[in-house]
Amino acid sequence: MRRTEDLGGNVAIITGAGRGIGRAIALALAAAGVRSVLAARTKEELEILEREISAQGCEALAVPTDLSKENEMVDLVRTTVEKLGRIDIMVNNAGVGMFGPLAQTATEDFDRIMAVNARAPFILCRETIPYLKRHDRAFIVNIGSVVSTKGYANQAAYSASKHALLGMSKALARELAETDIRVHVLCPGGVDTELVSRARPDLDRSILMQPEEIADIVMFLVTRKGNAVIDEIDIRRASSTPWG
């Protein structure tokens, strides 16, 4: 059996860390000894998570960040390096969604969705790559969606942003293929988060995936670096149609 890699002492940036999938990923990484920089807009949620991780004996740093503002993302990366000395894992998880018919979607809403879901990962990848390249095992993990490859009614703007994220990830993976940076994309369907409850209020929460299940898959990716590489993972609810 292939041995898993020791992540102790590594440093990760996780966006959207205050709740849902991002929070679950931060806790899972901390349990493996990864020092985490927690980024989101809501300071209170980040500070609660920071204290929770610290109580478990791992280092965490809450850095409130507006991912629609480039200067704040540049500051996030700089703060990470200044405070923790390195970057090994970049998790682009933060996402926003506004749902409704395309004909009723305001341009400013479209721009906001694209800024957080596509532009922010672009900037954060660009800013962290020079630091990721310094290590022989580094990862970029982008959290996409089932709508990275599909289109659902009343989700045109959100679908556009997640298609953009997947496309960028494919190009970036090729650009970095000769380096020690691996680029992975997770495309989950319904996960029990606040965003999904707004997008699909018709779904029974008992059949949704849990954020911790997504975090488990992230941990599988970042604790292995052999000759087998997974570029994209499509993840569905057990109750949904296989290969639907």
Protein backbone atom coordinates (compact mmCIF):
# COMPACT_ATOMS: atom_id res chain seq x y z
CA MET A 1 0.00 0.00 0.00
CA ARG A 2 1.27 3.45 -0.87
CA ARG A 3 2.24 5.45 2.21
CA THR A 4 0.64 8.83 2.74
CA GLU A 5 2.80 11.94 2.93
CA ASP A 6 3.44 13.77 6.21
CA LEU A 7 2.03 17.30 6.00
CA GLY A 8 3.28 18.44 9.38
CA GLY A 9 4.61 22.00 9.21
CA ASN A 10 3.14 22.72 5.78
CA VAL A 11 1.17 25.93 5.26
CA ALA A 12 -2.18 26.24 3.50
CA ILE A 13 -4.33 29.18 2.50
CA ILE A 14 -8.04 28.34 2.51
CA THR A 15 -10.58 30.82 1.17
CA GLY A 16 -14.17 30.73 2.28
CA ALA A 17 -12.86 29.15 5.48
CA GLY A 18 -15.47 30.48 7.87
CA ARG A 19 -18.18 27.97 7.09
CA GLY A 20 -19.21 24.96 5.03
CA ILE A 21 -16.65 23.19 2.87
CA GLY A 22 -13.85 25.65 3.62
CA ARG A 23 -14.25 25.22 7.36
CA ALA A 24 -14.24 21.43 7.03
CA ILE A 25 -11.08 21.52 4.89
CA ALA A 26 -9.32 23.80 7.39
CA LEU A 27 -10.13 21.45 10.27
CA ALA A 28 -9.01 18.39 8.32
CA LEU A 29 -5.72 20.01 7.33
CA ALA A 30 -5.11 21.14 10.90
CA ALA A 31 -5.64 17.59 12.14
CA ALA A 32 -2.79 16.58 9.81
CA GLY A 33 -0.51 19.26 11.26
CA VAL A 34 -0.93 21.84 8.50
CA ARG A 35 -0.68 25.46 9.60
CA SER A 36 -3.56 27.33 8.01
CA VAL A 37 -4.33 30.87 6.95
CA LEU A 38 -8.08 31.31 7.06
CA ALA A 39 -9.58 33.79 4.61
CA ALA A 40 -13.15 35.04 4.29
CA ARG A 41 -15.05 38.28 4.76
CA THR A 42 -16.66 37.46 8.10
CA LYS A 43 -14.11 38.12 10.83
CA GLU A 44 -16.13 36.56 13.63
CA GLU A 45 -16.47 33.18 11.92
CA LEU A 46 -12.75 33.09 11.13
CA GLU A 47 -11.78 33.93 14.70
CA ILE A 48 -14.00 31.16 16.07
CA LEU A 49 -12.32 28.67 13.73
CA GLU A 50 -8.88 30.04 14.56
CA ARG A 51 -9.51 29.42 18.26
CA GLU A 52 -10.87 25.94 17.57
CA ILE A 53 -7.81 24.94 15.59
CA SER A 54 -5.43 26.49 18.13
CA ALA A 55 -7.14 24.55 20.92
CA GLN A 56 -6.29 21.37 18.99
CA GLY A 57 -2.60 22.30 19.05
CA CYS A 58 -2.17 23.54 15.50
CA GLU A 59 -1.40 27.05 14.28
CA ALA A 60 -4.03 29.05 12.42
CA LEU A 61 -4.22 32.66 11.36
CA ALA A 62 -7.47 34.45 10.60
CA VAL A 63 -7.08 37.03 7.83
CA PRO A 64 -10.39 38.69 6.89
CA THR A 65 -10.27 39.20 3.12
CA ASP A 66 -12.65 40.59 0.52
CA LEU A 67 -12.00 38.38 -2.50
CA SER A 68 -13.46 40.96 -4.85
CA LYS A 69 -10.50 43.26 -4.08
CA GLU A 70 -7.12 42.45 -5.61
CA ASN A 71 -5.11 44.42 -3.07
CA GLU A 72 -6.60 42.41 -0.20
CA MET A 73 -5.68 39.13 -1.90
CA VAL A 74 -2.12 40.33 -2.49
CA ASP A 75 -1.98 41.29 1.18
CA LEU A 76 -3.31 37.83 2.13
CA VAL A 77 -0.45 36.10 0.35
CA ARG A 78 2.14 38.53 1.71
CA THR A 79 0.84 38.11 5.26
CA THR A 80 0.98 34.32 4.93
CA VAL A 81 4.64 34.37 3.91
CA GLU A 82 5.59 37.00 6.50
CA LYS A 83 3.85 35.22 9.38
CA LEU A 84 4.27 31.54 8.49
CA GLY A 85 7.24 31.57 6.11
CA ARG A 86 5.95 29.45 3.24
CA ILE A 87 2.96 28.28 1.19
CA ASP A 88 2.46 24.62 0.28
CA ILE A 89 -1.27 24.35 -0.41
CA MET A 90 -3.66 26.87 -1.99
CA VAL A 91 -7.33 25.98 -1.58
CA ASN A 92 -9.65 28.19 -3.63
CA ASN A 93 -12.97 27.35 -2.05
CA ALA A 94 -14.83 30.66 -1.60
CA GLY A 95 -17.88 31.07 -3.78
CA VAL A 96 -20.94 33.24 -4.10
CA GLY A 97 -24.14 32.61 -5.99
CA MET A 98 -27.16 34.64 -6.99
CA PHE A 99 -29.89 32.60 -8.58
CA GLY A 100 -32.72 33.42 -10.97
CA PRO A 101 -33.50 33.69 -14.68
CA LEU A 102 -30.74 35.15 -16.83
CA ALA A 103 -33.17 37.77 -18.14
CA GLN A 104 -33.58 39.05 -14.58
CA THR A 105 -29.90 38.92 -13.56
CA ALA A 106 -28.31 42.34 -13.11
CA THR A 107 -24.89 42.99 -14.61
CA GLU A 108 -23.49 43.94 -11.21
CA ASP A 109 -24.62 40.57 -9.82
CA PHE A 110 -22.92 38.75 -12.70
CA ASP A 111 -19.75 40.77 -12.11
CA ARG A 112 -19.77 39.99 -8.38
CA ILE A 113 -20.13 36.26 -9.00
CA MET A 114 -17.35 36.22 -11.58
CA ALA A 115 -15.08 38.30 -9.34
CA VAL A 116 -15.25 35.91 -6.40
CA ASN A 117 -15.67 32.57 -8.16
CA ALA A 118 -13.28 32.99 -11.11
CA ARG A 119 -11.20 36.16 -10.84
CA ALA A 120 -10.16 35.60 -7.20
CA PRO A 121 -8.77 32.08 -7.81
CA PHE A 122 -6.94 33.45 -10.87
CA ILE A 123 -5.26 36.16 -8.78
CA LEU A 124 -4.50 33.88 -5.83
CA CYS A 125 -2.98 31.22 -8.07
CA ARG A 126 -0.84 33.85 -9.78
CA GLU A 127 0.34 35.31 -6.46
CA THR A 128 1.05 31.99 -4.73
CA ILE A 129 2.76 30.09 -7.56
CA PRO A 130 6.20 31.66 -6.92
CA TYR A 131 6.05 30.36 -3.33
CA LEU A 132 4.53 27.00 -4.22
CA LYS A 133 7.38 26.41 -6.66
CA ARG A 134 9.87 26.45 -3.79
CA HIS A 135 8.70 23.03 -2.55
CA ASP A 136 8.85 19.53 -3.96
CA ARG A 137 5.25 18.82 -3.02
CA ALA A 138 2.77 21.66 -3.53
CA PHE A 139 -0.89 21.75 -4.43
CA ILE A 140 -3.56 24.01 -5.80
CA VAL A 141 -7.05 22.71 -5.03
CA ASN A 142 -9.91 24.54 -6.72
CA ILE A 143 -13.43 23.81 -5.54
CA GLY A 144 -15.68 23.85 -8.57
CA SER A 145 -19.21 22.51 -8.82
CA VAL A 146 -21.43 20.19 -10.76
CA VAL A 147 -22.21 23.30 -12.81
CA SER A 148 -18.57 23.47 -13.85
CA THR A 149 -19.64 21.04 -16.58
CA LYS A 150 -23.44 21.30 -16.58
CA GLY A 151 -25.94 24.10 -16.90
CA TYR A 152 -29.01 24.41 -14.70
CA ALA A 153 -31.93 26.77 -15.20
CA ASN A 154 -31.75 29.90 -13.04
CA GLN A 155 -28.01 29.42 -12.50
CA ALA A 156 -26.55 31.02 -15.64
CA ALA A 157 -24.18 33.44 -13.91
CA TYR A 158 -23.07 30.88 -11.34
CA SER A 159 -22.56 28.26 -14.05
CA ALA A 160 -20.50 30.70 -16.10
CA SER A 161 -18.20 31.37 -13.15
CA LYS A 162 -17.65 27.69 -12.39
CA HIS A 163 -17.07 26.84 -16.05
CA ALA A 164 -14.44 29.60 -16.03
CA LEU A 165 -12.77 28.16 -12.94
CA LEU A 166 -12.56 24.71 -14.50
CA GLY A 167 -11.18 26.08 -17.76
CA MET A 168 -8.54 28.11 -15.96
CA SER A 169 -7.56 25.07 -13.89
CA LYS A 170 -7.09 22.92 -17.00
CA ALA A 171 -4.80 25.51 -18.58
CA LEU A 172 -2.88 26.07 -15.35
CA ALA A 173 -2.32 22.35 -14.83
CA ARG A 174 -0.64 22.19 -18.23
CA GLU A 175 1.46 25.27 -17.50
CA LEU A 176 2.69 23.71 -14.25
CA ALA A 177 3.04 20.15 -15.50
CA GLU A 178 6.85 20.31 -15.40
CA THR A 179 6.91 21.71 -11.85
CA ASP A 180 6.20 20.09 -8.50
CA ILE A 181 2.82 21.82 -8.23
CA ARG A 182 -0.25 19.67 -8.78
CA VAL A 183 -3.55 21.32 -9.75
CA HIS A 184 -6.76 19.55 -8.75
CA VAL A 185 -10.41 20.49 -9.24
CA LEU A 186 -13.28 19.06 -7.21
CA CYS A 187 -16.74 19.36 -8.77
CA PRO A 188 -19.31 18.36 -6.15
CA GLY A 189 -23.05 18.29 -6.56
CA GLY A 190 -25.32 19.12 -3.64
CA VAL A 191 -23.42 19.71 -0.40
CA ASP A 192 -25.20 20.76 2.78
CA THR A 193 -24.16 24.42 2.75
CA GLU A 194 -25.94 27.74 2.90
CA LEU A 195 -25.28 28.38 -0.80
CA VAL A 196 -26.88 25.10 -1.89
CA SER A 197 -29.89 25.74 0.32
CA ARG A 198 -30.47 28.96 -1.63
CA ALA A 199 -29.79 27.46 -5.04
CA ARG A 200 -31.88 24.33 -4.50
CA PRO A 201 -34.37 24.86 -1.66
CA ASP A 202 -36.31 21.88 -3.03
CA LEU A 203 -33.61 19.39 -1.99
CA ASP A 204 -34.07 17.33 1.15
CA ARG A 205 -31.04 18.16 3.33
CA SER A 206 -30.83 14.56 4.51
CA ILE A 207 -29.70 13.45 1.04
CA LEU A 208 -27.04 16.13 0.62
CA MET A 209 -23.33 15.46 0.93
CA GLN A 210 -21.62 16.80 4.03
CA PRO A 211 -18.73 19.30 3.89
CA GLU A 212 -16.55 16.81 5.76
CA GLU A 213 -16.93 14.34 2.90
CA ILE A 214 -15.46 16.89 0.50
CA ALA A 215 -12.67 17.62 2.97
CA ASP A 216 -11.84 13.90 3.08
CA ILE A 217 -11.28 13.94 -0.68
CA VAL A 218 -9.06 17.01 -0.45
CA MET A 219 -6.97 15.22 2.17
CA PHE A 220 -6.65 12.19 -0.09
CA LEU A 221 -5.23 14.42 -2.83
CA VAL A 222 -2.75 16.41 -0.76
CA THR A 223 -1.36 13.46 1.17
CA ARG A 224 -0.35 11.53 -1.94
CA LYS A 225 2.07 12.43 -4.67
CA GLY A 226 3.02 9.37 -6.62
CA ASN A 227 2.90 8.74 -10.34
CA ALA A 228 -0.90 8.62 -10.43
CA VAL A 229 -2.51 12.04 -10.80
CA ILE A 230 -6.17 12.99 -10.49
CA ASP A 231 -6.94 16.19 -12.36
CA GLU A 232 -10.68 16.52 -11.83
CA ILE A 233 -13.07 14.73 -9.48
CA ASP A 234 -16.81 14.76 -10.10
CA ILE A 235 -18.68 14.05 -6.88
CA ARG A 236 -22.39 13.30 -6.74
CA ARG A 237 -24.98 12.66 -4.09
CA ALA A 238 -25.62 8.96 -3.55
CA SER A 239 -29.28 9.61 -4.31
CA SER A 240 -28.61 11.24 -7.68
CA THR A 241 -28.34 9.47 -11.03
CA PRO A 242 -24.95 7.83 -11.72
CA TRP A 243 -23.21 9.54 -14.64
CA GLY A 244 -26.25 11.79 -14.90
